[in-house]
Amino acid sequence: MCLAIPARIVEITGDRAVADAMGNRWAIRTTLTPEVKLGDIVLVHAGYAITKVEEEEARQTWELFAQIAEMEAEQNQAKGAEQ
């Protein structure tokens, strides 16, 4: 299974860019998506922007990741209380 993360391009020079997703930044390549520009949101997989996505779709995905992180934190807290 492959996982691609939506991230906003915050810096771009040629086919090299920096993308930000929920405060995490990565150096990525835009070789596969030469049309993207600063501020666009792309799906990042294996260090490459593979497609451009709409902001609402990205926001929904970021919200799901936040919910997953919250559930994991609650589970870890509950396990700690049991020990």
PDB file of N, CA and C in Angstrom:
ATOM      1  N   MET A   1       0.843  -1.171   0.000  1.00  0.00           N
ATOM      2  CA  MET A   1       0.000   0.000   0.000  1.00  0.00           C
ATOM      3  C   MET A   1       0.892   1.240   0.000  1.00  0.00           C
ATOM      4  N   CYS A   2       0.511   2.216  -0.780  1.00  0.00           N
ATOM      5  CA  CYS A   2       1.252   3.471  -0.850  1.00  0.00           C
ATOM      6  C   CYS A   2       0.494   4.543  -0.083  1.00  0.00           C
ATOM      7  N   LEU A   3       1.241   5.460   0.490  1.00  0.00           N
ATOM      8  CA  LEU A   3       0.639   6.563   1.210  1.00  0.00           C
ATOM      9  C   LEU A   3       1.232   7.855   0.682  1.00  0.00           C
ATOM     10  N   ALA A   4       0.382   8.760   0.274  1.00  0.00           N
ATOM     11  CA  ALA A   4       0.816  10.083  -0.165  1.00  0.00           C
ATOM     12  C   ALA A   4       0.206  11.104   0.785  1.00  0.00           C
ATOM     13  N   ILE A   5       1.001  12.080   1.165  1.00  0.00           N
ATOM     14  CA  ILE A   5       0.599  13.084   2.140  1.00  0.00           C
ATOM     15  C   ILE A   5       0.371  14.414   1.426  1.00  0.00           C
ATOM     16  N   PRO A   6      -0.765  15.080   1.682  1.00  0.00           N
ATOM     17  CA  PRO A   6      -0.948  16.404   1.094  1.00  0.00           C
ATOM     18  C   PRO A   6      -0.064  17.419   1.821  1.00  0.00           C
ATOM     19  N   ALA A   7       0.615  18.256   1.049  1.00  0.00           N
ATOM     20  CA  ALA A   7       1.500  19.265   1.623  1.00  0.00           C
ATOM     21  C   ALA A   7       1.499  20.504   0.729  1.00  0.00           C
ATOM     22  N   ARG A   8       1.641  21.670   1.383  1.00  0.00           N
ATOM     23  CA  ARG A   8       1.666  22.938   0.653  1.00  0.00           C
ATOM     24  C   ARG A   8       3.108  23.296   0.295  1.00  0.00           C
ATOM     25  N   ILE A   9       3.318  23.716  -0.933  1.00  0.00           N
ATOM     26  CA  ILE A   9       4.646  24.135  -1.365  1.00  0.00           C
ATOM     27  C   ILE A   9       4.931  25.517  -0.771  1.00  0.00           C
ATOM     28  N   VAL A  10       5.999  25.592   0.042  1.00  0.00           N
ATOM     29  CA  VAL A  10       6.338  26.852   0.705  1.00  0.00           C
ATOM     30  C   VAL A  10       7.612  27.482   0.144  1.00  0.00           C
ATOM     31  N   GLU A  11       8.388  26.710  -0.585  1.00  0.00           N
ATOM     32  CA  GLU A  11       9.565  27.214  -1.290  1.00  0.00           C
ATOM     33  C   GLU A  11       9.685  26.417  -2.575  1.00  0.00           C
ATOM     34  N   ILE A  12      10.152  27.076  -3.641  1.00  0.00           N
ATOM     35  CA  ILE A  12      10.350  26.339  -4.893  1.00  0.00           C
ATOM     36  C   ILE A  12      11.440  27.009  -5.717  1.00  0.00           C
ATOM     37  N   THR A  13      12.330  26.179  -6.214  1.00  0.00           N
ATOM     38  CA  THR A  13      13.400  26.610  -7.108  1.00  0.00           C
ATOM     39  C   THR A  13      13.595  25.507  -8.137  1.00  0.00           C
ATOM     40  N   GLY A  14      13.261  25.800  -9.369  1.00  0.00           N
ATOM     41  CA  GLY A  14      13.361  24.767 -10.396  1.00  0.00           C
ATOM     42  C   GLY A  14      12.439  23.619 -10.059  1.00  0.00           C
ATOM     43  N   ASP A  15      12.984  22.396 -10.053  1.00  0.00           N
ATOM     44  CA  ASP A  15      12.158  21.233  -9.694  1.00  0.00           C
ATOM     45  C   ASP A  15      12.407  20.777  -8.251  1.00  0.00           C
ATOM     46  N   ARG A  16      12.992  21.650  -7.458  1.00  0.00           N
ATOM     47  CA  ARG A  16      13.204  21.363  -6.036  1.00  0.00           C
ATOM     48  C   ARG A  16      12.300  22.284  -5.228  1.00  0.00           C
ATOM     49  N   ALA A  17      11.709  21.718  -4.179  1.00  0.00           N
ATOM     50  CA  ALA A  17      10.778  22.509  -3.372  1.00  0.00           C
ATOM     51  C   ALA A  17      10.838  22.052  -1.926  1.00  0.00           C
ATOM     52  N   VAL A  18      10.253  22.879  -1.075  1.00  0.00           N
ATOM     53  CA  VAL A  18      10.022  22.510   0.314  1.00  0.00           C
ATOM     54  C   VAL A  18       8.519  22.507   0.498  1.00  0.00           C
ATOM     55  N   ALA A  19       8.000  21.415   1.056  1.00  0.00           N
ATOM     56  CA  ALA A  19       6.558  21.277   1.266  1.00  0.00           C
ATOM     57  C   ALA A  19       6.278  21.153   2.756  1.00  0.00           C
ATOM     58  N   ASP A  20       5.149  21.719   3.183  1.00  0.00           N
ATOM     59  CA  ASP A  20       4.761  21.721   4.594  1.00  0.00           C
ATOM     60  C   ASP A  20       3.414  21.030   4.757  1.00  0.00           C
ATOM     61  N   ALA A  21       3.385  20.068   5.674  1.00  0.00           N
ATOM     62  CA  ALA A  21       2.133  19.397   6.030  1.00  0.00           C
ATOM     63  C   ALA A  21       2.036  19.369   7.538  1.00  0.00           C
ATOM     64  N   MET A  22       1.095  20.116   8.073  1.00  0.00           N
ATOM     65  CA  MET A  22       0.830  20.122   9.509  1.00  0.00           C
ATOM     66  C   MET A  22       2.080  20.480  10.314  1.00  0.00           C
ATOM     67  N   GLY A  23       2.889  21.396   9.792  1.00  0.00           N
ATOM     68  CA  GLY A  23       4.082  21.836  10.495  1.00  0.00           C
ATOM     69  C   GLY A  23       5.326  21.015  10.226  1.00  0.00           C
ATOM     70  N   ASN A  24       5.194  19.933   9.496  1.00  0.00           N
ATOM     71  CA  ASN A  24       6.344  19.117   9.102  1.00  0.00           C
ATOM     72  C   ASN A  24       6.772  19.544   7.703  1.00  0.00           C
ATOM     73  N   ARG A  25       8.074  19.746   7.525  1.00  0.00           N
ATOM     74  CA  ARG A  25       8.578  20.188   6.218  1.00  0.00           C
ATOM     75  C   ARG A  25       9.524  19.158   5.631  1.00  0.00           C
ATOM     76  N   TRP A  26       9.416  18.998   4.307  1.00  0.00           N
ATOM     77  CA  TRP A  26      10.275  18.070   3.579  1.00  0.00           C
ATOM     78  C   TRP A  26      10.818  18.741   2.337  1.00  0.00           C
ATOM     79  N   ALA A  27      12.021  18.350   1.972  1.00  0.00           N
ATOM     80  CA  ALA A  27      12.552  18.705   0.669  1.00  0.00           C
ATOM     81  C   ALA A  27      11.953  17.705  -0.316  1.00  0.00           C
ATOM     82  N   ILE A  28      11.343  18.221  -1.371  1.00  0.00           N
ATOM     83  CA  ILE A  28      10.706  17.338  -2.364  1.00  0.00           C
ATOM     84  C   ILE A  28      11.144  17.753  -3.760  1.00  0.00           C
ATOM     85  N   ARG A  29      10.780  16.924  -4.720  1.00  0.00           N
ATOM     86  CA  ARG A  29      11.021  17.235  -6.129  1.00  0.00           C
ATOM     87  C   ARG A  29       9.675  17.403  -6.815  1.00  0.00           C
ATOM     88  N   THR A  30       9.615  18.320  -7.767  1.00  0.00           N
ATOM     89  CA  THR A  30       8.387  18.557  -8.525  1.00  0.00           C
ATOM     90  C   THR A  30       8.550  18.118  -9.981  1.00  0.00           C
ATOM     91  N   THR A  31       9.488  17.248 -10.227  1.00  0.00           N
ATOM     92  CA  THR A  31       9.776  16.761 -11.574  1.00  0.00           C
ATOM     93  C   THR A  31       8.528  16.202 -12.254  1.00  0.00           C
ATOM     94  N   LEU A  32       7.685  15.519 -11.497  1.00  0.00           N
ATOM     95  CA  LEU A  32       6.485  14.888 -12.062  1.00  0.00           C
ATOM     96  C   LEU A  32       5.310  15.859 -12.187  1.00  0.00           C
ATOM     97  N   THR A  33       5.434  17.024 -11.569  1.00  0.00           N
ATOM     98  CA  THR A  33       4.360  18.026 -11.579  1.00  0.00           C
ATOM     99  C   THR A  33       4.941  19.403 -11.876  1.00  0.00           C
ATOM    100  N   PRO A  34       5.480  19.606 -13.063  1.00  0.00           N
ATOM    101  CA  PRO A  34       6.166  20.869 -13.366  1.00  0.00           C
ATOM    102  C   PRO A  34       5.255  22.099 -13.343  1.00  0.00           C
ATOM    103  N   GLU A  35       3.951  21.908 -13.349  1.00  0.00           N
ATOM    104  CA  GLU A  35       3.002  23.028 -13.365  1.00  0.00           C
ATOM    105  C   GLU A  35       2.761  23.647 -11.996  1.00  0.00           C
ATOM    106  N   VAL A  36       3.199  22.990 -10.924  1.00  0.00           N
ATOM    107  CA  VAL A  36       2.903  23.509  -9.589  1.00  0.00           C
ATOM    108  C   VAL A  36       3.717  24.754  -9.283  1.00  0.00           C
ATOM    109  N   LYS A  37       3.145  25.568  -8.381  1.00  0.00           N
ATOM    110  CA  LYS A  37       3.808  26.811  -8.006  1.00  0.00           C
ATOM    111  C   LYS A  37       3.699  27.025  -6.501  1.00  0.00           C
ATOM    112  N   LEU A  38       4.353  28.047  -6.023  1.00  0.00           N
ATOM    113  CA  LEU A  38       4.345  28.391  -4.617  1.00  0.00           C
ATOM    114  C   LEU A  38       2.915  28.518  -4.106  1.00  0.00           C
ATOM    115  N   GLY A  39       2.626  27.865  -2.983  1.00  0.00           N
ATOM    116  CA  GLY A  39       1.291  27.914  -2.391  1.00  0.00           C
ATOM    117  C   GLY A  39       0.378  26.773  -2.804  1.00  0.00           C
ATOM    118  N   ASP A  40       0.715  26.069  -3.874  1.00  0.00           N
ATOM    119  CA  ASP A  40      -0.106  24.930  -4.298  1.00  0.00           C
ATOM    120  C   ASP A  40       0.006  23.796  -3.279  1.00  0.00           C
ATOM    121  N   ILE A  41      -1.024  22.970  -3.242  1.00  0.00           N
ATOM    122  CA  ILE A  41      -1.007  21.778  -2.396  1.00  0.00           C
ATOM    123  C   ILE A  41      -0.860  20.570  -3.306  1.00  0.00           C
ATOM    124  N   VAL A  42       0.084  19.715  -2.942  1.00  0.00           N
ATOM    125  CA  VAL A  42       0.375  18.530  -3.743  1.00  0.00           C
ATOM    126  C   VAL A  42       0.352  17.298  -2.855  1.00  0.00           C
ATOM    127  N   LEU A  43       0.170  16.153  -3.467  1.00  0.00           N
ATOM    128  CA  LEU A  43       0.349  14.888  -2.753  1.00  0.00           C
ATOM    129  C   LEU A  43       1.810  14.508  -2.893  1.00  0.00           C
ATOM    130  N   VAL A  44       2.463  14.217  -1.754  1.00  0.00           N
ATOM    131  CA  VAL A  44       3.879  13.873  -1.753  1.00  0.00           C
ATOM    132  C   VAL A  44       4.021  12.390  -1.435  1.00  0.00           C
ATOM    133  N   HIS A  45       4.737  11.692  -2.291  1.00  0.00           N
ATOM    134  CA  HIS A  45       5.031  10.279  -2.081  1.00  0.00           C
ATOM    135  C   HIS A  45       6.491  10.034  -2.455  1.00  0.00           C
ATOM    136  N   ALA A  46       7.225   9.438  -1.548  1.00  0.00           N
ATOM    137  CA  ALA A  46       8.627   9.079  -1.782  1.00  0.00           C
ATOM    138  C   ALA A  46       9.457  10.283  -2.227  1.00  0.00           C
ATOM    139  N   GLY A  47       9.141  11.457  -1.660  1.00  0.00           N
ATOM    140  CA  GLY A  47       9.928  12.647  -1.955  1.00  0.00           C
ATOM    141  C   GLY A  47       9.553  13.384  -3.221  1.00  0.00           C
ATOM    142  N   TYR A  48       8.486  12.943  -3.889  1.00  0.00           N
ATOM    143  CA  TYR A  48       8.047  13.587  -5.123  1.00  0.00           C
ATOM    144  C   TYR A  48       6.605  14.073  -4.997  1.00  0.00           C
ATOM    145  N   ALA A  49       6.346  15.251  -5.539  1.00  0.00           N
ATOM    146  CA  ALA A  49       4.972  15.715  -5.691  1.00  0.00           C
ATOM    147  C   ALA A  49       4.404  14.924  -6.864  1.00  0.00           C
ATOM    148  N   ILE A  50       3.316  14.184  -6.614  1.00  0.00           N
ATOM    149  CA  ILE A  50       2.794  13.320  -7.681  1.00  0.00           C
ATOM    150  C   ILE A  50       1.538  13.877  -8.335  1.00  0.00           C
ATOM    151  N   THR A  51       0.847  14.790  -7.657  1.00  0.00           N
ATOM    152  CA  THR A  51      -0.319  15.434  -8.247  1.00  0.00           C
ATOM    153  C   THR A  51      -0.711  16.634  -7.398  1.00  0.00           C
ATOM    154  N   LYS A  52      -1.390  17.566  -8.008  1.00  0.00           N
ATOM    155  CA  LYS A  52      -1.908  18.731  -7.301  1.00  0.00           C
ATOM    156  C   LYS A  52      -3.287  18.373  -6.760  1.00  0.00           C
ATOM    157  N   VAL A  53      -3.632  18.875  -5.550  1.00  0.00           N
ATOM    158  CA  VAL A  53      -4.947  18.595  -4.963  1.00  0.00           C
ATOM    159  C   VAL A  53      -5.592  19.888  -4.481  1.00  0.00           C
ATOM    160  N   GLU A  54      -6.890  19.840  -4.326  1.00  0.00           N
ATOM    161  CA  GLU A  54      -7.646  20.990  -3.834  1.00  0.00           C
ATOM    162  C   GLU A  54      -7.452  21.143  -2.330  1.00  0.00           C
ATOM    163  N   GLU A  55      -7.538  22.368  -1.860  1.00  0.00           N
ATOM    164  CA  GLU A  55      -7.321  22.664  -0.446  1.00  0.00           C
ATOM    165  C   GLU A  55      -8.302  21.912   0.456  1.00  0.00           C
ATOM    166  N   GLU A  56      -9.565  21.823   0.085  1.00  0.00           N
ATOM    167  CA  GLU A  56     -10.559  21.148   0.930  1.00  0.00           C
ATOM    168  C   GLU A  56     -10.219  19.665   1.094  1.00  0.00           C
ATOM    169  N   GLU A  57      -9.797  19.031   0.025  1.00  0.00           N
ATOM    170  CA  GLU A  57      -9.402  17.617   0.113  1.00  0.00           C
ATOM    171  C   GLU A  57      -8.204  17.463   1.050  1.00  0.00           C
ATOM    172  N   ALA A  58      -7.226  18.351   0.933  1.00  0.00           N
ATOM    173  CA  ALA A  58      -6.054  18.305   1.807  1.00  0.00           C
ATOM    174  C   ALA A  58      -6.465  18.537   3.252  1.00  0.00           C
ATOM    175  N   ARG A  59      -7.320  19.512   3.491  1.00  0.00           N
ATOM    176  CA  ARG A  59      -7.765  19.828   4.854  1.00  0.00           C
ATOM    177  C   ARG A  59      -8.452  18.619   5.495  1.00  0.00           C
ATOM    178  N   GLN A  60      -9.284  17.933   4.742  1.00  0.00           N
ATOM    179  CA  GLN A  60      -9.967  16.745   5.277  1.00  0.00           C
ATOM    180  C   GLN A  60      -8.951  15.670   5.664  1.00  0.00           C
ATOM    181  N   THR A  61      -7.945  15.481   4.836  1.00  0.00           N
ATOM    182  CA  THR A  61      -6.917  14.480   5.128  1.00  0.00           C
ATOM    183  C   THR A  61      -6.122  14.876   6.358  1.00  0.00           C
ATOM    184  N   TRP A  62      -5.746  16.157   6.465  1.00  0.00           N
ATOM    185  CA  TRP A  62      -5.008  16.617   7.648  1.00  0.00           C
ATOM    186  C   TRP A  62      -5.838  16.423   8.909  1.00  0.00           C
ATOM    187  N   GLU A  63      -7.141  16.662   8.825  1.00  0.00           N
ATOM    188  CA  GLU A  63      -8.016  16.455   9.981  1.00  0.00           C
ATOM    189  C   GLU A  63      -8.050  14.985  10.390  1.00  0.00           C
ATOM    190  N   LEU A  64      -8.078  14.086   9.405  1.00  0.00           N
ATOM    191  CA  LEU A  64      -8.054  12.654   9.718  1.00  0.00           C
ATOM    192  C   LEU A  64      -6.758  12.264  10.412  1.00  0.00           C
ATOM    193  N   PHE A  65      -5.633  12.781   9.926  1.00  0.00           N
ATOM    194  CA  PHE A  65      -4.351  12.500  10.580  1.00  0.00           C
ATOM    195  C   PHE A  65      -4.348  13.006  12.016  1.00  0.00           C
ATOM    196  N   ALA A  66      -4.922  14.184  12.246  1.00  0.00           N
ATOM    197  CA  ALA A  66      -4.993  14.743  13.602  1.00  0.00           C
ATOM    198  C   ALA A  66      -5.851  13.853  14.505  1.00  0.00           C
ATOM    199  N   GLN A  67      -6.962  13.346  13.980  1.00  0.00           N
ATOM    200  CA  GLN A  67      -7.825  12.459  14.756  1.00  0.00           C
ATOM    201  C   GLN A  67      -7.104  11.162  15.099  1.00  0.00           C
ATOM    202  N   ILE A  68      -6.359  10.620  14.157  1.00  0.00           N
ATOM    203  CA  ILE A  68      -5.595   9.393  14.401  1.00  0.00           C
ATOM    204  C   ILE A  68      -4.556   9.633  15.490  1.00  0.00           C
ATOM    205  N   ALA A  69      -3.847  10.744  15.406  1.00  0.00           N
ATOM    206  CA  ALA A  69      -2.832  11.065  16.417  1.00  0.00           C
ATOM    207  C   ALA A  69      -3.472  11.226  17.791  1.00  0.00           C
ATOM    208  N   GLU A  70      -4.648  11.832  17.842  1.00  0.00           N
ATOM    209  CA  GLU A  70      -5.355  12.018  19.110  1.00  0.00           C
ATOM    210  C   GLU A  70      -5.767  10.671  19.700  1.00  0.00           C
ATOM    211  N   MET A  71      -6.297   9.786  18.860  1.00  0.00           N
ATOM    212  CA  MET A  71      -6.697   8.462  19.340  1.00  0.00           C
ATOM    213  C   MET A  71      -5.493   7.675  19.846  1.00  0.00           C
ATOM    214  N   GLU A  72      -4.369   7.753  19.147  1.00  0.00           N
ATOM    215  CA  GLU A  72      -3.166   7.052  19.594  1.00  0.00           C
ATOM    216  C   GLU A  72      -2.690   7.596  20.934  1.00  0.00           C
ATOM    217  N   ALA A  73      -2.742   8.905  21.100  1.00  0.00           N
ATOM    218  CA  ALA A  73      -2.327   9.514  22.371  1.00  0.00           C
ATOM    219  C   ALA A  73      -3.232   9.046  23.509  1.00  0.00           C
ATOM    220  N   GLU A  74      -4.531   8.987  23.256  1.00  0.00           N
ATOM    221  CA  GLU A  74      -5.471   8.520  24.275  1.00  0.00           C
ATOM    222  C   GLU A  74      -5.208   7.063  24.635  1.00  0.00           C
ATOM    223  N   GLN A  75      -4.937   6.237  23.627  1.00  0.00           N
ATOM    224  CA  GLN A  75      -4.648   4.825  23.887  1.00  0.00           C
ATOM    225  C   GLN A  75      -3.367   4.669  24.687  1.00  0.00           C
ATOM    226  N   ASN A  76      -2.349   5.433  24.340  1.00  0.00           N
ATOM    227  CA  ASN A  76      -1.085   5.362  25.071  1.00  0.00           C
ATOM    228  C   ASN A  76      -1.263   5.830  26.512  1.00  0.00           C
ATOM    229  N   GLN A  77      -2.090   6.862  26.702  1.00  0.00           N
ATOM    230  CA  GLN A  77      -2.356   7.356  28.045  1.00  0.00           C
ATOM    231  C   GLN A  77      -3.097   6.299  28.861  1.00  0.00           C
ATOM    232  N   ALA A  78      -4.073   5.637  28.235  1.00  0.00           N
ATOM    233  CA  ALA A  78      -4.834   4.599  28.936  1.00  0.00           C
ATOM    234  C   ALA A  78      -3.935   3.424  29.295  1.00  0.00           C
ATOM    235  N   LYS A  79      -3.039   3.048  28.405  1.00  0.00           N
ATOM    236  CA  LYS A  79      -2.109   1.936  28.692  1.00  0.00           C
ATOM    237  C   LYS A  79      -1.177   2.308  29.830  1.00  0.00           C
ATOM    238  N   GLY A  80      -0.739   3.570  29.853  1.00  0.00           N
ATOM    239  CA  GLY A  80       0.133   4.031  30.937  1.00  0.00           C
ATOM    240  C   GLY A  80      -0.569   4.017  32.277  1.00  0.00           C
ATOM    241  N   ALA A  81      -1.851   4.318  32.300  1.00  0.00           N
ATOM    242  CA  ALA A  81      -2.627   4.344  33.549  1.00  0.00           C
ATOM    243  C   ALA A  81      -2.841   2.924  34.072  1.00  0.00           C
ATOM    244  N   GLU A  82      -2.884   1.943  33.171  1.00  0.00           N
ATOM    245  CA  GLU A  82      -3.083   0.556  33.572  1.00  0.00           C
ATOM    246  C   GLU A  82      -1.852  -0.030  34.231  1.00  0.00           C
ATOM    247  N   GLN A  83      -0.684   0.490  33.899  1.00  0.00           N
ATOM    248  CA  GLN A  83       0.557  -0.113  34.406  1.00  0.00           C
ATOM    249  C   GLN A  83       0.953   0.421  35.735  1.00  0.00           C
TER     250      GLN A  83
END
